[in-house]
Amino acid sequence: MADSDEWVKYVTEQFVQYVETSKDERKQSRQTAKASREPWLTKWFGIAPLGVALWWRSRSGR
């Protein structure tokens, strides 16, 4: 029973915090979070795509 009370309290706090922030602040925080995220290609496949991309660019320049 205590766990559900804590969960409801947490959700309520998060909701109130969301409602109290302005629309512009929420939009700005989403944009900064999106900009700081690493590219999906690197996230899923590591550094290999970067190596292939560098190799491909140097190859096509010749």
C-alpha atoms as a PDB file:
ATOM      1  CA  MET A   1       0.000   0.000   0.000  1.00  0.00           C
ATOM      2  CA  ALA A   2       2.844   2.398   0.786  1.00  0.00           C
ATOM      3  CA  ASP A   3       4.417   1.838  -2.617  1.00  0.00           C
ATOM      4  CA  SER A   4       1.289   2.914  -4.426  1.00  0.00           C
ATOM      5  CA  ASP A   5       1.004   6.016  -2.236  1.00  0.00           C
ATOM      6  CA  GLU A   6       4.586   6.970  -3.064  1.00  0.00           C
ATOM      7  CA  TRP A   7       3.965   6.378  -6.759  1.00  0.00           C
ATOM      8  CA  VAL A   8       0.848   8.571  -6.739  1.00  0.00           C
ATOM      9  CA  LYS A   9       2.767  11.278  -4.892  1.00  0.00           C
ATOM     10  CA  TYR A  10       5.610  11.115  -7.448  1.00  0.00           C
ATOM     11  CA  VAL A  11       3.258  11.244 -10.445  1.00  0.00           C
ATOM     12  CA  THR A  12       1.367  14.156  -8.912  1.00  0.00           C
ATOM     13  CA  GLU A  13       4.592  16.082  -8.296  1.00  0.00           C
ATOM     14  CA  GLN A  14       5.764  15.492 -11.856  1.00  0.00           C
ATOM     15  CA  PHE A  15       2.413  16.592 -13.255  1.00  0.00           C
ATOM     16  CA  VAL A  16       2.364  19.772 -11.171  1.00  0.00           C
ATOM     17  CA  GLN A  17       5.924  20.549 -12.219  1.00  0.00           C
ATOM     18  CA  TYR A  18       4.960  20.052 -15.874  1.00  0.00           C
ATOM     19  CA  VAL A  19       1.904  22.287 -15.601  1.00  0.00           C
ATOM     20  CA  GLU A  20       3.803  25.055 -13.795  1.00  0.00           C
ATOM     21  CA  THR A  21       6.539  25.344 -16.434  1.00  0.00           C
ATOM     22  CA  SER A  22       5.763  27.515 -19.403  1.00  0.00           C
ATOM     23  CA  LYS A  23       5.298  26.119 -22.883  1.00  0.00           C
ATOM     24  CA  ASP A  24       8.452  27.871 -24.102  1.00  0.00           C
ATOM     25  CA  GLU A  25      10.568  26.352 -21.315  1.00  0.00           C
ATOM     26  CA  ARG A  26       9.269  22.849 -22.093  1.00  0.00           C
ATOM     27  CA  LYS A  27       9.992  23.343 -25.788  1.00  0.00           C
ATOM     28  CA  GLN A  28      13.500  24.620 -25.034  1.00  0.00           C
ATOM     29  CA  SER A  29      14.279  21.681 -22.734  1.00  0.00           C
ATOM     30  CA  ARG A  30      13.088  19.210 -25.394  1.00  0.00           C
ATOM     31  CA  GLN A  31      15.321  20.869 -27.996  1.00  0.00           C
ATOM     32  CA  THR A  32      18.394  20.786 -25.757  1.00  0.00           C
ATOM     33  CA  ALA A  33      17.752  17.140 -24.872  1.00  0.00           C
ATOM     34  CA  LYS A  34      17.367  16.268 -28.549  1.00  0.00           C
ATOM     35  CA  ALA A  35      20.565  18.137 -29.465  1.00  0.00           C
ATOM     36  CA  SER A  36      22.607  16.385 -26.784  1.00  0.00           C
ATOM     37  CA  ARG A  37      21.471  12.916 -27.854  1.00  0.00           C
ATOM     38  CA  GLU A  38      23.998  10.852 -29.790  1.00  0.00           C
ATOM     39  CA  PRO A  39      23.121   9.855 -33.370  1.00  0.00           C
ATOM     40  CA  TRP A  40      21.109   6.640 -33.659  1.00  0.00           C
ATOM     41  CA  LEU A  41      23.616   5.101 -36.038  1.00  0.00           C
ATOM     42  CA  THR A  42      26.408   5.422 -33.487  1.00  0.00           C
ATOM     43  CA  LYS A  43      24.138   4.321 -30.662  1.00  0.00           C
ATOM     44  CA  TRP A  44      23.094   1.113 -32.400  1.00  0.00           C
ATOM     45  CA  PHE A  45      26.246   0.177 -34.311  1.00  0.00           C
ATOM     46  CA  GLY A  46      29.105   1.840 -32.422  1.00  0.00           C
ATOM     47  CA  ILE A  47      32.038   3.513 -34.100  1.00  0.00           C
ATOM     48  CA  ALA A  48      32.018   1.294 -37.214  1.00  0.00           C
ATOM     49  CA  PRO A  49      29.673   3.546 -39.272  1.00  0.00           C
ATOM     50  CA  LEU A  50      31.966   6.502 -38.613  1.00  0.00           C
ATOM     51  CA  GLY A  51      34.944   4.528 -39.905  1.00  0.00           C
ATOM     52  CA  VAL A  52      33.047   3.462 -43.004  1.00  0.00           C
ATOM     53  CA  ALA A  53      31.884   7.040 -43.627  1.00  0.00           C
ATOM     54  CA  LEU A  54      35.434   8.394 -43.317  1.00  0.00           C
ATOM     55  CA  TRP A  55      36.744   5.671 -45.613  1.00  0.00           C
ATOM     56  CA  TRP A  56      34.002   6.362 -48.172  1.00  0.00           C
ATOM     57  CA  ARG A  57      34.669  10.118 -48.185  1.00  0.00           C
ATOM     58  CA  SER A  58      38.412   9.645 -48.655  1.00  0.00           C
ATOM     59  CA  ARG A  59      37.775   7.077 -51.396  1.00  0.00           C
ATOM     60  CA  SER A  60      35.426   9.268 -53.426  1.00  0.00           C
ATOM     61  CA  GLY A  61      37.760  12.267 -53.265  1.00  0.00           C
ATOM     62  CA  ARG A  62      40.411  10.528 -55.374  1.00  0.00           C
END
